[in-house]
Structure formats: C-alpha cells, structure tokens
Amino acid sequence: MKEILVAVAIVVGCVQTAVAEGDTSAGQKVFKRCAACHAVEDGKNKVGPTMFGVVGRQAGSLEDYKYSDAMQDAGYSWDEKQLAGLLAAPRKHLPGTKMAFSGLKREGQMTDLIEYLKTLN
C-alpha cells in the first residue's frame, strides 16, 4: 500500500510540474487555432470573447460580450483546471456553451496554450 501511495505522489508531482513547465512560445503557436474566434487584445472581442486577462477571470463576466446562458451560469473562474477542461472538450465540460471548437487532443498543446494565456494580462 505504501508503494502505491508513493507512486501516486510521484505521478501527481509530475503532472503538476508539466502544467508549470508549459512553453509560452509553443502556446502562442497553438493559439493560432483560436485566433479566428478570439483576440488577445484588451477589450477586443470577436465571435468569442477576448482572451486578454482570461486566467483568473470569472467565467461569463465580460460586460461587452454576449455569452451563452451556460457560460454566464458557470460559477467558476478560469484557472488551469477549468481551462484544461474547456480546451479538451468544450461541450462536455460546459454543456450549453456556444463554443464550437472540438477540443485539443494533445496534452502538450493544452499545457503550452494555458501557459501562453497566463501571459495575456
């Protein structure tokens, strides 16, 4: 039993390290897939809301963007866990979202993108 707990602790530590070690430059490249719908400039919305300041922002809270009811009622702030869930499978993570993206399938891309999003403030 002790060996299992040690193994779990190692895996959790590796996952946390992987999240912390995302590549910002690679994330900026991944963001090109998002740029058709999302801007990175403060106050500039496209089909989707701006990603400027998204990390730490309350979901569905920009006053100048018309969110889905699901996003307005989400009840959480955009941290790494919530972003990862939405980026992996938007409609599964938040049923009723109007985000049409099917999701990122490669873990490295998601980690890199989140690291890039953290710089947008």
PDB file of N, CA and C in Angstrom:
ATOM      1  N   MET A   1       0.819  -1.193   0.000  1.00  0.00           N
ATOM      2  CA  MET A   1       0.000   0.000   0.000  1.00  0.00           C
ATOM      3  C   MET A   1       0.867   1.264   0.000  1.00  0.00           C
ATOM      4  N   LYS A   2       1.935   1.240   0.795  1.00  0.00           N
ATOM      5  CA  LYS A   2       2.834   2.388   0.864  1.00  0.00           C
ATOM      6  C   LYS A   2       3.454   2.671  -0.499  1.00  0.00           C
ATOM      7  N   GLU A   3       3.816   1.613  -1.234  1.00  0.00           N
ATOM      8  CA  GLU A   3       4.414   1.779  -2.556  1.00  0.00           C
ATOM      9  C   GLU A   3       3.440   2.438  -3.523  1.00  0.00           C
ATOM     10  N   ILE A   4       2.175   2.094  -3.411  1.00  0.00           N
ATOM     11  CA  ILE A   4       1.150   2.676  -4.287  1.00  0.00           C
ATOM     12  C   ILE A   4       1.014   4.172  -3.997  1.00  0.00           C
ATOM     13  N   LEU A   5       0.984   4.536  -2.716  1.00  0.00           N
ATOM     14  CA  LEU A   5       0.870   5.949  -2.361  1.00  0.00           C
ATOM     15  C   LEU A   5       2.064   6.747  -2.849  1.00  0.00           C
ATOM     16  N   VAL A   6       3.258   6.161  -2.757  1.00  0.00           N
ATOM     17  CA  VAL A   6       4.460   6.835  -3.248  1.00  0.00           C
ATOM     18  C   VAL A   6       4.362   7.028  -4.760  1.00  0.00           C
ATOM     19  N   ALA A   7       3.914   5.986  -5.469  1.00  0.00           N
ATOM     20  CA  ALA A   7       3.782   6.072  -6.925  1.00  0.00           C
ATOM     21  C   ALA A   7       2.770   7.147  -7.316  1.00  0.00           C
ATOM     22  N   VAL A   8       1.648   7.205  -6.600  1.00  0.00           N
ATOM     23  CA  VAL A   8       0.633   8.217  -6.889  1.00  0.00           C
ATOM     24  C   VAL A   8       1.203   9.613  -6.641  1.00  0.00           C
ATOM     25  N   ALA A   9       1.923   9.797  -5.571  1.00  0.00           N
ATOM     26  CA  ALA A   9       2.530  11.092  -5.266  1.00  0.00           C
ATOM     27  C   ALA A   9       3.503  11.515  -6.358  1.00  0.00           C
ATOM     28  N   ILE A  10       4.275  10.568  -6.879  1.00  0.00           N
ATOM     29  CA  ILE A  10       5.226  10.873  -7.955  1.00  0.00           C
ATOM     30  C   ILE A  10       4.483  11.304  -9.212  1.00  0.00           C
ATOM     31  N   VAL A  11       3.427  10.571  -9.568  1.00  0.00           N
ATOM     32  CA  VAL A  11       2.647  10.898 -10.768  1.00  0.00           C
ATOM     33  C   VAL A  11       2.009  12.274 -10.618  1.00  0.00           C
ATOM     34  N   VAL A  12       1.401  12.545  -9.468  1.00  0.00           N
ATOM     35  CA  VAL A  12       0.772  13.850  -9.251  1.00  0.00           C
ATOM     36  C   VAL A  12       1.823  14.948  -9.345  1.00  0.00           C
ATOM     37  N   GLY A  13       2.973  14.736  -8.763  1.00  0.00           N
ATOM     38  CA  GLY A  13       4.057  15.716  -8.841  1.00  0.00           C
ATOM     39  C   GLY A  13       4.493  15.963 -10.259  1.00  0.00           C
ATOM     40  N   CYS A  14       4.581  14.915 -11.063  1.00  0.00           N
ATOM     41  CA  CYS A  14       4.966  15.069 -12.469  1.00  0.00           C
ATOM     42  C   CYS A  14       3.920  15.844 -13.250  1.00  0.00           C
ATOM     43  N   VAL A  15       2.653  15.583 -12.994  1.00  0.00           N
ATOM     44  CA  VAL A  15       1.579  16.296 -13.682  1.00  0.00           C
ATOM     45  C   VAL A  15       1.620  17.773 -13.312  1.00  0.00           C
ATOM     46  N   GLN A  16       1.786  18.079 -12.029  1.00  0.00           N
ATOM     47  CA  GLN A  16       1.853  19.475 -11.614  1.00  0.00           C
ATOM     48  C   GLN A  16       3.062  20.162 -12.226  1.00  0.00           C
ATOM     49  N   THR A  17       4.184  19.464 -12.305  1.00  0.00           N
ATOM     50  CA  THR A  17       5.378  20.027 -12.922  1.00  0.00           C
ATOM     51  C   THR A  17       5.132  20.290 -14.400  1.00  0.00           C
ATOM     52  N   ALA A  18       4.454  19.356 -15.083  1.00  0.00           N
ATOM     53  CA  ALA A  18       4.181  19.521 -16.513  1.00  0.00           C
ATOM     54  C   ALA A  18       3.335  20.756 -16.754  1.00  0.00           C
ATOM     55  N   VAL A  19       2.334  20.991 -15.889  1.00  0.00           N
ATOM     56  CA  VAL A  19       1.487  22.162 -16.057  1.00  0.00           C
ATOM     57  C   VAL A  19       2.319  23.424 -15.866  1.00  0.00           C
ATOM     58  N   ALA A  20       3.200  23.409 -14.874  1.00  0.00           N
ATOM     59  CA  ALA A  20       4.001  24.588 -14.566  1.00  0.00           C
ATOM     60  C   ALA A  20       5.069  24.846 -15.623  1.00  0.00           C
ATOM     61  N   GLU A  21       5.417  23.853 -16.416  1.00  0.00           N
ATOM     62  CA  GLU A  21       6.501  23.990 -17.368  1.00  0.00           C
ATOM     63  C   GLU A  21       6.041  24.095 -18.814  1.00  0.00           C
ATOM     64  N   GLY A  22       4.860  24.630 -19.039  1.00  0.00           N
ATOM     65  CA  GLY A  22       4.404  24.822 -20.403  1.00  0.00           C
ATOM     66  C   GLY A  22       5.295  25.808 -21.147  1.00  0.00           C
ATOM     67  N   ASP A  23       5.326  25.689 -22.435  1.00  0.00           N
ATOM     68  CA  ASP A  23       6.164  26.526 -23.293  1.00  0.00           C
ATOM     69  C   ASP A  23       5.308  27.651 -23.875  1.00  0.00           C
ATOM     70  N   THR A  24       5.548  28.865 -23.413  1.00  0.00           N
ATOM     71  CA  THR A  24       4.771  30.026 -23.836  1.00  0.00           C
ATOM     72  C   THR A  24       4.822  30.239 -25.348  1.00  0.00           C
ATOM     73  N   SER A  25       6.008  30.115 -25.943  1.00  0.00           N
ATOM     74  CA  SER A  25       6.141  30.316 -27.398  1.00  0.00           C
ATOM     75  C   SER A  25       5.357  29.272 -28.170  1.00  0.00           C
ATOM     76  N   ALA A  26       5.424  28.023 -27.714  1.00  0.00           N
ATOM     77  CA  ALA A  26       4.650  26.962 -28.368  1.00  0.00           C
ATOM     78  C   ALA A  26       3.162  27.221 -28.178  1.00  0.00           C
ATOM     79  N   GLY A  27       2.776  27.726 -27.008  1.00  0.00           N
ATOM     80  CA  GLY A  27       1.374  28.048 -26.749  1.00  0.00           C
ATOM     81  C   GLY A  27       0.857  29.151 -27.643  1.00  0.00           C
ATOM     82  N   GLN A  28       1.712  30.119 -27.950  1.00  0.00           N
ATOM     83  CA  GLN A  28       1.324  31.195 -28.864  1.00  0.00           C
ATOM     84  C   GLN A  28       1.041  30.621 -30.252  1.00  0.00           C
ATOM     85  N   LYS A  29       1.813  29.637 -30.651  1.00  0.00           N
ATOM     86  CA  LYS A  29       1.571  28.979 -31.944  1.00  0.00           C
ATOM     87  C   LYS A  29       0.270  28.200 -31.919  1.00  0.00           C
ATOM     88  N   VAL A  30      -0.005  27.503 -30.814  1.00  0.00           N
ATOM     89  CA  VAL A  30      -1.263  26.761 -30.679  1.00  0.00           C
ATOM     90  C   VAL A  30      -2.439  27.729 -30.739  1.00  0.00           C
ATOM     91  N   PHE A  31      -2.260  28.915 -30.151  1.00  0.00           N
ATOM     92  CA  PHE A  31      -3.339  29.902 -30.118  1.00  0.00           C
ATOM     93  C   PHE A  31      -3.798  30.311 -31.520  1.00  0.00           C
ATOM     94  N   LYS A  32      -2.959  30.149 -32.517  1.00  0.00           N
ATOM     95  CA  LYS A  32      -3.361  30.488 -33.888  1.00  0.00           C
ATOM     96  C   LYS A  32      -4.646  29.761 -34.272  1.00  0.00           C
ATOM     97  N   ARG A  33      -4.872  28.568 -33.690  1.00  0.00           N
ATOM     98  CA  ARG A  33      -6.115  27.828 -33.943  1.00  0.00           C
ATOM     99  C   ARG A  33      -7.309  28.535 -33.318  1.00  0.00           C
ATOM    100  N   CYS A  34      -7.056  29.317 -32.288  1.00  0.00           N
ATOM    101  CA  CYS A  34      -8.110  30.018 -31.548  1.00  0.00           C
ATOM    102  C   CYS A  34      -8.375  31.418 -32.098  1.00  0.00           C
ATOM    103  N   ALA A  35      -7.376  31.966 -32.809  1.00  0.00           N
ATOM    104  CA  ALA A  35      -7.400  33.366 -33.222  1.00  0.00           C
ATOM    105  C   ALA A  35      -8.519  33.707 -34.205  1.00  0.00           C
ATOM    106  N   ALA A  36      -9.084  32.728 -34.859  1.00  0.00           N
ATOM    107  CA  ALA A  36     -10.207  33.018 -35.755  1.00  0.00           C
ATOM    108  C   ALA A  36     -11.413  33.526 -34.958  1.00  0.00           C
ATOM    109  N   CYS A  37     -11.528  33.089 -33.714  1.00  0.00           N
ATOM    110  CA  CYS A  37     -12.677  33.465 -32.884  1.00  0.00           C
ATOM    111  C   CYS A  37     -12.325  34.345 -31.686  1.00  0.00           C
ATOM    112  N   HIS A  38     -11.071  34.319 -31.250  1.00  0.00           N
ATOM    113  CA  HIS A  38     -10.673  35.036 -30.035  1.00  0.00           C
ATOM    114  C   HIS A  38      -9.495  35.970 -30.308  1.00  0.00           C
ATOM    115  N   ALA A  39      -9.578  37.183 -29.787  1.00  0.00           N
ATOM    116  CA  ALA A  39      -8.475  38.137 -29.841  1.00  0.00           C
ATOM    117  C   ALA A  39      -7.699  38.062 -28.526  1.00  0.00           C
ATOM    118  N   VAL A  40      -6.523  38.672 -28.515  1.00  0.00           N
ATOM    119  CA  VAL A  40      -5.718  38.720 -27.295  1.00  0.00           C
ATOM    120  C   VAL A  40      -5.605  40.146 -26.750  1.00  0.00           C
ATOM    121  N   GLU A  41      -6.161  41.099 -27.446  1.00  0.00           N
ATOM    122  CA  GLU A  41      -6.107  42.489 -27.020  1.00  0.00           C
ATOM    123  C   GLU A  41      -7.220  42.779 -26.016  1.00  0.00           C
ATOM    124  N   ASP A  42      -6.921  43.625 -25.055  1.00  0.00           N
ATOM    125  CA  ASP A  42      -7.890  44.038 -24.049  1.00  0.00           C
ATOM    126  C   ASP A  42      -9.065  44.738 -24.721  1.00  0.00           C
ATOM    127  N   GLY A  43     -10.276  44.291 -24.418  1.00  0.00           N
ATOM    128  CA  GLY A  43     -11.482  44.935 -24.934  1.00  0.00           C
ATOM    129  C   GLY A  43     -11.864  44.577 -26.352  1.00  0.00           C
ATOM    130  N   LYS A  44     -11.107  43.704 -27.010  1.00  0.00           N
ATOM    131  CA  LYS A  44     -11.415  43.338 -28.395  1.00  0.00           C
ATOM    132  C   LYS A  44     -12.020  41.938 -28.436  1.00  0.00           C
ATOM    133  N   ASN A  45     -13.307  41.891 -28.705  1.00  0.00           N
ATOM    134  CA  ASN A  45     -13.995  40.620 -28.856  1.00  0.00           C
ATOM    135  C   ASN A  45     -14.183  40.311 -30.327  1.00  0.00           C
ATOM    136  N   LYS A  46     -14.221  39.053 -30.630  1.00  0.00           N
ATOM    137  CA  LYS A  46     -14.549  38.596 -31.983  1.00  0.00           C
ATOM    138  C   LYS A  46     -15.816  37.756 -31.846  1.00  0.00           C
ATOM    139  N   VAL A  47     -15.892  36.647 -32.547  1.00  0.00           N
ATOM    140  CA  VAL A  47     -17.008  35.720 -32.377  1.00  0.00           C
ATOM    141  C   VAL A  47     -17.017  35.229 -30.931  1.00  0.00           C
ATOM    142  N   GLY A  48     -15.823  35.045 -30.355  1.00  0.00           N
ATOM    143  CA  GLY A  48     -15.658  34.694 -28.949  1.00  0.00           C
ATOM    144  C   GLY A  48     -15.076  35.876 -28.202  1.00  0.00           C
ATOM    145  N   PRO A  49     -15.108  35.831 -26.885  1.00  0.00           N
ATOM    146  CA  PRO A  49     -14.579  36.936 -26.087  1.00  0.00           C
ATOM    147  C   PRO A  49     -13.058  37.014 -26.145  1.00  0.00           C
ATOM    148  N   THR A  50     -12.520  38.181 -25.814  1.00  0.00           N
ATOM    149  CA  THR A  50     -11.072  38.351 -25.765  1.00  0.00           C
ATOM    150  C   THR A  50     -10.463  37.406 -24.726  1.00  0.00           C
ATOM    151  N   MET A  51      -9.277  36.962 -25.017  1.00  0.00           N
ATOM    152  CA  MET A  51      -8.554  36.117 -24.070  1.00  0.00           C
ATOM    153  C   MET A  51      -7.639  36.939 -23.171  1.00  0.00           C
ATOM    154  N   PHE A  52      -7.609  38.252 -23.382  1.00  0.00           N
ATOM    155  CA  PHE A  52      -6.810  39.119 -22.531  1.00  0.00           C
ATOM    156  C   PHE A  52      -7.341  39.030 -21.101  1.00  0.00           C
ATOM    157  N   GLY A  53      -6.490  38.659 -20.170  1.00  0.00           N
ATOM    158  CA  GLY A  53      -6.876  38.570 -18.767  1.00  0.00           C
ATOM    159  C   GLY A  53      -7.785  37.413 -18.426  1.00  0.00           C
ATOM    160  N   VAL A  54      -7.847  36.402 -19.277  1.00  0.00           N
ATOM    161  CA  VAL A  54      -8.778  35.298 -19.041  1.00  0.00           C
ATOM    162  C   VAL A  54      -8.419  34.493 -17.792  1.00  0.00           C
ATOM    163  N   VAL A  55      -7.136  34.272 -17.537  1.00  0.00           N
ATOM    164  CA  VAL A  55      -6.747  33.478 -16.371  1.00  0.00           C
ATOM    165  C   VAL A  55      -7.073  34.268 -15.107  1.00  0.00           C
ATOM    166  N   GLY A  56      -7.917  33.699 -14.284  1.00  0.00           N
ATOM    167  CA  GLY A  56      -8.372  34.340 -13.061  1.00  0.00           C
ATOM    168  C   GLY A  56      -9.694  35.076 -13.202  1.00  0.00           C
ATOM    169  N   ARG A  57     -10.154  35.272 -14.429  1.00  0.00           N
ATOM    170  CA  ARG A  57     -11.412  35.990 -14.666  1.00  0.00           C
ATOM    171  C   ARG A  57     -12.598  35.057 -14.407  1.00  0.00           C
ATOM    172  N   GLN A  58     -13.663  35.597 -13.880  1.00  0.00           N
ATOM    173  CA  GLN A  58     -14.902  34.859 -13.682  1.00  0.00           C
ATOM    174  C   GLN A  58     -15.476  34.486 -15.051  1.00  0.00           C
ATOM    175  N   ALA A  59     -15.862  33.243 -15.230  1.00  0.00           N
ATOM    176  CA  ALA A  59     -16.451  32.796 -16.496  1.00  0.00           C
ATOM    177  C   ALA A  59     -17.710  33.601 -16.794  1.00  0.00           C
ATOM    178  N   GLY A  60     -17.841  34.021 -18.043  1.00  0.00           N
ATOM    179  CA  GLY A  60     -19.035  34.726 -18.488  1.00  0.00           C
ATOM    180  C   GLY A  60     -19.197  36.121 -17.914  1.00  0.00           C
ATOM    181  N   SER A  61     -18.090  36.785 -17.600  1.00  0.00           N
ATOM    182  CA  SER A  61     -18.206  38.044 -16.863  1.00  0.00           C
ATOM    183  C   SER A  61     -17.900  39.318 -17.647  1.00  0.00           C
ATOM    184  N   LEU A  62     -17.442  39.227 -18.878  1.00  0.00           N
ATOM    185  CA  LEU A  62     -17.180  40.456 -19.639  1.00  0.00           C
ATOM    186  C   LEU A  62     -18.505  41.123 -19.994  1.00  0.00           C
ATOM    187  N   GLU A  63     -18.618  42.381 -19.642  1.00  0.00           N
ATOM    188  CA  GLU A  63     -19.878  43.094 -19.858  1.00  0.00           C
ATOM    189  C   GLU A  63     -20.181  43.346 -21.327  1.00  0.00           C
ATOM    190  N   ASP A  64     -19.135  43.438 -22.150  1.00  0.00           N
ATOM    191  CA  ASP A  64     -19.357  43.778 -23.550  1.00  0.00           C
ATOM    192  C   ASP A  64     -19.364  42.559 -24.479  1.00  0.00           C
ATOM    193  N   TYR A  65     -19.671  41.387 -23.923  1.00  0.00           N
ATOM    194  CA  TYR A  65     -19.756  40.183 -24.743  1.00  0.00           C
ATOM    195  C   TYR A  65     -21.023  39.422 -24.365  1.00  0.00           C
ATOM    196  N   LYS A  66     -21.723  38.892 -25.370  1.00  0.00           N
ATOM    197  CA  LYS A  66     -22.966  38.137 -25.145  1.00  0.00           C
ATOM    198  C   LYS A  66     -22.631  36.651 -25.017  1.00  0.00           C
ATOM    199  N   TYR A  67     -22.563  36.177 -23.795  1.00  0.00           N
ATOM    200  CA  TYR A  67     -22.264  34.775 -23.504  1.00  0.00           C
ATOM    201  C   TYR A  67     -23.525  33.921 -23.574  1.00  0.00           C
ATOM    202  N   SER A  68     -23.317  32.618 -23.698  1.00  0.00           N
ATOM    203  CA  SER A  68     -24.421  31.674 -23.562  1.00  0.00           C
ATOM    204  C   SER A  68     -24.887  31.682 -22.106  1.00  0.00           C
ATOM    205  N   ASP A  69     -26.102  31.251 -21.875  1.00  0.00           N
ATOM    206  CA  ASP A  69     -26.605  31.139 -20.501  1.00  0.00           C
ATOM    207  C   ASP A  69     -25.716  30.202 -19.686  1.00  0.00           C
ATOM    208  N   ALA A  70     -25.258  29.126 -20.313  1.00  0.00           N
ATOM    209  CA  ALA A  70     -24.407  28.158 -19.614  1.00  0.00           C
ATOM    210  C   ALA A  70     -23.123  28.813 -19.117  1.00  0.00           C
ATOM    211  N   MET A  71     -22.516  29.655 -19.939  1.00  0.00           N
ATOM    212  CA  MET A  71     -21.270  30.315 -19.534  1.00  0.00           C
ATOM    213  C   MET A  71     -21.549  31.348 -18.448  1.00  0.00           C
ATOM    214  N   GLN A  72     -22.628  32.079 -18.574  1.00  0.00           N
ATOM    215  CA  GLN A  72     -22.963  33.069 -17.549  1.00  0.00           C
ATOM    216  C   GLN A  72     -23.235  32.414 -16.202  1.00  0.00           C
ATOM    217  N   ASP A  73     -23.769  31.202 -16.230  1.00  0.00           N
ATOM    218  CA  ASP A  73     -24.126  30.490 -15.005  1.00  0.00           C
ATOM    219  C   ASP A  73     -23.049  29.518 -14.532  1.00  0.00           C
ATOM    220  N   ALA A  74     -21.886  29.520 -15.173  1.00  0.00           N
ATOM    221  CA  ALA A  74     -20.847  28.523 -14.871  1.00  0.00           C
ATOM    222  C   ALA A  74     -20.424  28.551 -13.406  1.00  0.00           C
ATOM    223  N   GLY A  75     -20.289  29.720 -12.827  1.00  0.00           N
ATOM    224  CA  GLY A  75     -19.985  29.812 -11.406  1.00  0.00           C
ATOM    225  C   GLY A  75     -18.538  29.546 -11.010  1.00  0.00           C
ATOM    226  N   TYR A  76     -17.617  29.659 -11.937  1.00  0.00           N
ATOM    227  CA  TYR A  76     -16.208  29.471 -11.599  1.00  0.00           C
ATOM    228  C   TYR A  76     -15.363  30.500 -12.324  1.00  0.00           C
ATOM    229  N   SER A  77     -14.121  30.601 -11.866  1.00  0.00           N
ATOM    230  CA  SER A  77     -13.139  31.448 -12.515  1.00  0.00           C
ATOM    231  C   SER A  77     -12.233  30.592 -13.374  1.00  0.00           C
ATOM    232  N   TRP A  78     -11.610  31.200 -14.356  1.00  0.00           N
ATOM    233  CA  TRP A  78     -10.735  30.471 -15.270  1.00  0.00           C
ATOM    234  C   TRP A  78      -9.359  30.239 -14.635  1.00  0.00           C
ATOM    235  N   ASP A  79      -9.216  29.061 -14.061  1.00  0.00           N
ATOM    236  CA  ASP A  79      -7.911  28.618 -13.572  1.00  0.00           C
ATOM    237  C   ASP A  79      -7.424  27.519 -14.514  1.00  0.00           C
ATOM    238  N   GLU A  80      -6.275  26.945 -14.232  1.00  0.00           N
ATOM    239  CA  GLU A  80      -5.706  25.930 -15.126  1.00  0.00           C
ATOM    240  C   GLU A  80      -6.627  24.724 -15.284  1.00  0.00           C
ATOM    241  N   LYS A  81      -7.259  24.295 -14.220  1.00  0.00           N
ATOM    242  CA  LYS A  81      -8.150  23.130 -14.276  1.00  0.00           C
ATOM    243  C   LYS A  81      -9.360  23.402 -15.171  1.00  0.00           C
ATOM    244  N   GLN A  82     -10.002  24.550 -14.985  1.00  0.00           N
ATOM    245  CA  GLN A  82     -11.184  24.876 -15.786  1.00  0.00           C
ATOM    246  C   GLN A  82     -10.811  25.102 -17.251  1.00  0.00           C
ATOM    247  N   LEU A  83      -9.709  25.785 -17.489  1.00  0.00           N
ATOM    248  CA  LEU A  83      -9.257  25.983 -18.871  1.00  0.00           C
ATOM    249  C   LEU A  83      -8.943  24.660 -19.542  1.00  0.00           C
ATOM    250  N   ALA A  84      -8.260  23.771 -18.828  1.00  0.00           N
ATOM    251  CA  ALA A  84      -7.928  22.462 -19.402  1.00  0.00           C
ATOM    252  C   ALA A  84      -9.186  21.681 -19.746  1.00  0.00           C
ATOM    253  N   GLY A  85     -10.179  21.716 -18.880  1.00  0.00           N
ATOM    254  CA  GLY A  85     -11.438  21.023 -19.162  1.00  0.00           C
ATOM    255  C   GLY A  85     -12.132  21.572 -20.394  1.00  0.00           C
ATOM    256  N   LEU A  86     -12.196  22.888 -20.489  1.00  0.00           N
ATOM    257  CA  LEU A  86     -12.860  23.502 -21.641  1.00  0.00           C
ATOM    258  C   LEU A  86     -12.069  23.274 -22.918  1.00  0.00           C
ATOM    259  N   LEU A  87     -10.755  23.381 -22.841  1.00  0.00           N
ATOM    260  CA  LEU A  87      -9.925  23.203 -24.035  1.00  0.00           C
ATOM    261  C   LEU A  87      -9.929  21.756 -24.527  1.00  0.00           C
ATOM    262  N   ALA A  88     -10.106  20.810 -23.636  1.00  0.00           N
ATOM    263  CA  ALA A  88     -10.133  19.394 -24.029  1.00  0.00           C
ATOM    264  C   ALA A  88     -11.446  19.030 -24.716  1.00  0.00           C
ATOM    265  N   ALA A  89     -12.554  19.509 -24.182  1.00  0.00           N
ATOM    266  CA  ALA A  89     -13.875  19.146 -24.712  1.00  0.00           C
ATOM    267  C   ALA A  89     -14.893  20.195 -24.265  1.00  0.00           C
ATOM    268  N   PRO A  90     -14.994  21.305 -24.992  1.00  0.00           N
ATOM    269  CA  PRO A  90     -15.847  22.409 -24.552  1.00  0.00           C
ATOM    270  C   PRO A  90     -17.289  22.024 -24.221  1.00  0.00           C
ATOM    271  N   ARG A  91     -17.923  21.286 -25.074  1.00  0.00           N
ATOM    272  CA  ARG A  91     -19.345  20.977 -24.868  1.00  0.00           C
ATOM    273  C   ARG A  91     -19.569  19.917 -23.803  1.00  0.00           C
ATOM    274  N   LYS A  92     -18.553  19.128 -23.535  1.00  0.00           N
ATOM    275  CA  LYS A  92     -18.640  18.161 -22.429  1.00  0.00           C
ATOM    276  C   LYS A  92     -18.377  18.873 -21.106  1.00  0.00           C
ATOM    277  N   HIS A  93     -17.392  19.750 -21.099  1.00  0.00           N
ATOM    278  CA  HIS A  93     -17.034  20.477 -19.881  1.00  0.00           C
ATOM    279  C   HIS A  93     -18.129  21.451 -19.459  1.00  0.00           C
ATOM    280  N   LEU A  94     -18.732  22.104 -20.431  1.00  0.00           N
ATOM    281  CA  LEU A  94     -19.772  23.092 -20.143  1.00  0.00           C
ATOM    282  C   LEU A  94     -20.927  22.923 -21.135  1.00  0.00           C
ATOM    283  N   PRO A  95     -21.809  21.962 -20.861  1.00  0.00           N
ATOM    284  CA  PRO A  95     -22.954  21.756 -21.761  1.00  0.00           C
ATOM    285  C   PRO A  95     -23.746  23.053 -21.929  1.00  0.00           C
ATOM    286  N   GLY A  96     -24.057  23.371 -23.172  1.00  0.00           N
ATOM    287  CA  GLY A  96     -24.795  24.594 -23.475  1.00  0.00           C
ATOM    288  C   GLY A  96     -23.914  25.736 -23.929  1.00  0.00           C
ATOM    289  N   THR A  97     -22.585  25.536 -23.898  1.00  0.00           N
ATOM    290  CA  THR A  97     -21.698  26.587 -24.391  1.00  0.00           C
ATOM    291  C   THR A  97     -21.908  26.759 -25.888  1.00  0.00           C
ATOM    292  N   LYS A  98     -21.686  27.965 -26.372  1.00  0.00           N
ATOM    293  CA  LYS A  98     -21.794  28.162 -27.816  1.00  0.00           C
ATOM    294  C   LYS A  98     -20.441  28.032 -28.512  1.00  0.00           C
ATOM    295  N   MET A  99     -19.414  27.641 -27.763  1.00  0.00           N
ATOM    296  CA  MET A  99     -18.088  27.434 -28.342  1.00  0.00           C
ATOM    297  C   MET A  99     -18.117  26.188 -29.228  1.00  0.00           C
ATOM    298  N   ALA A 100     -17.811  26.374 -30.507  1.00  0.00           N
ATOM    299  CA  ALA A 100     -17.935  25.295 -31.485  1.00  0.00           C
ATOM    300  C   ALA A 100     -16.670  24.439 -31.617  1.00  0.00           C
ATOM    301  N   PHE A 101     -15.593  24.830 -30.989  1.00  0.00           N
ATOM    302  CA  PHE A 101     -14.317  24.118 -31.076  1.00  0.00           C
ATOM    303  C   PHE A 101     -14.456  22.703 -30.529  1.00  0.00           C
ATOM    304  N   SER A 102     -13.864  21.726 -31.224  1.00  0.00           N
ATOM    305  CA  SER A 102     -14.000  20.333 -30.789  1.00  0.00           C
ATOM    306  C   SER A 102     -13.047  19.962 -29.657  1.00  0.00           C
ATOM    307  N   GLY A 103     -11.992  20.722 -29.464  1.00  0.00           N
ATOM    308  CA  GLY A 103     -11.090  20.469 -28.348  1.00  0.00           C
ATOM    309  C   GLY A 103      -9.686  20.109 -28.777  1.00  0.00           C
ATOM    310  N   LEU A 104      -8.731  20.390 -27.891  1.00  0.00           N
ATOM    311  CA  LEU A 104      -7.336  19.996 -28.112  1.00  0.00           C
ATOM    312  C   LEU A 104      -7.163  18.569 -27.631  1.00  0.00           C
ATOM    313  N   LYS A 105      -6.504  17.761 -28.416  1.00  0.00           N
ATOM    314  CA  LYS A 105      -6.348  16.354 -28.058  1.00  0.00           C
ATOM    315  C   LYS A 105      -4.974  16.030 -27.488  1.00  0.00           C
ATOM    316  N   ARG A 106      -3.986  16.878 -27.745  1.00  0.00           N
ATOM    317  CA  ARG A 106      -2.631  16.608 -27.251  1.00  0.00           C
ATOM    318  C   ARG A 106      -2.358  17.405 -25.978  1.00  0.00           C
ATOM    319  N   GLU A 107      -2.012  16.701 -24.918  1.00  0.00           N
ATOM    320  CA  GLU A 107      -1.758  17.306 -23.613  1.00  0.00           C
ATOM    321  C   GLU A 107      -0.727  18.428 -23.688  1.00  0.00           C
ATOM    322  N   GLY A 108       0.353  18.233 -24.418  1.00  0.00           N
ATOM    323  CA  GLY A 108       1.391  19.247 -24.513  1.00  0.00           C
ATOM    324  C   GLY A 108       0.873  20.552 -25.086  1.00  0.00           C
ATOM    325  N   GLN A 109       0.025  20.460 -26.093  1.00  0.00           N
ATOM    326  CA  GLN A 109      -0.548  21.673 -26.680  1.00  0.00           C
ATOM    327  C   GLN A 109      -1.397  22.423 -25.667  1.00  0.00           C
ATOM    328  N   MET A 110      -2.166  21.681 -24.880  1.00  0.00           N
ATOM    329  CA  MET A 110      -3.024  22.306 -23.888  1.00  0.00           C
ATOM    330  C   MET A 110      -2.187  23.010 -22.817  1.00  0.00           C
ATOM    331  N   THR A 111      -1.169  22.341 -22.339  1.00  0.00           N
ATOM    332  CA  THR A 111      -0.286  22.921 -21.325  1.00  0.00           C
ATOM    333  C   THR A 111       0.390  24.174 -21.858  1.00  0.00           C
ATOM    334  N   ASP A 112       0.870  24.107 -23.080  1.00  0.00           N
ATOM    335  CA  ASP A 112       1.527  25.261 -23.693  1.00  0.00           C
ATOM    336  C   ASP A 112       0.546  26.418 -23.886  1.00  0.00           C
ATOM    337  N   LEU A 113      -0.651  26.112 -24.355  1.00  0.00           N
ATOM    338  CA  LEU A 113      -1.648  27.157 -24.582  1.00  0.00           C
ATOM    339  C   LEU A 113      -2.026  27.842 -23.272  1.00  0.00           C
ATOM    340  N   ILE A 114      -2.235  27.080 -22.229  1.00  0.00           N
ATOM    341  CA  ILE A 114      -2.575  27.663 -20.933  1.00  0.00           C
ATOM    342  C   ILE A 114      -1.436  28.548 -20.444  1.00  0.00           C
ATOM    343  N   GLU A 115      -0.212  28.106 -20.636  1.00  0.00           N
ATOM    344  CA  GLU A 115       0.946  28.913 -20.222  1.00  0.00           C
ATOM    345  C   GLU A 115       0.957  30.244 -20.995  1.00  0.00           C
ATOM    346  N   TYR A 116       0.626  30.199 -22.270  1.00  0.00           N
ATOM    347  CA  TYR A 116       0.538  31.418 -23.082  1.00  0.00           C
ATOM    348  C   TYR A 116      -0.594  32.316 -22.580  1.00  0.00           C
ATOM    349  N   LEU A 117      -1.753  31.738 -22.311  1.00  0.00           N
ATOM    350  CA  LEU A 117      -2.876  32.527 -21.836  1.00  0.00           C
ATOM    351  C   LEU A 117      -2.567  33.252 -20.538  1.00  0.00           C
ATOM    352  N   LYS A 118      -1.721  32.662 -19.713  1.00  0.00           N
ATOM    353  CA  LYS A 118      -1.323  33.296 -18.450  1.00  0.00           C
ATOM    354  C   LYS A 118      -0.561  34.608 -18.682  1.00  0.00           C
ATOM    355  N   THR A 119       0.038  34.756 -19.848  1.00  0.00           N
ATOM    356  CA  THR A 119       0.823  35.965 -20.127  1.00  0.00           C
ATOM    357  C   THR A 119      -0.038  37.118 -20.610  1.00  0.00           C
ATOM    358  N   LEU A 120      -1.281  36.870 -20.905  1.00  0.00           N
ATOM    359  CA  LEU A 120      -2.157  37.885 -21.510  1.00  0.00           C
ATOM    360  C   LEU A 120      -2.846  38.722 -20.441  1.00  0.00           C
ATOM    361  N   ASN A 121      -2.087  39.596 -19.807  1.00  0.00           N
ATOM    362  CA  ASN A 121      -2.691  40.470 -18.780  1.00  0.00           C
ATOM    363  C   ASN A 121      -1.930  41.776 -18.700  1.00  0.00           C
TER     364      ASN A 121
END
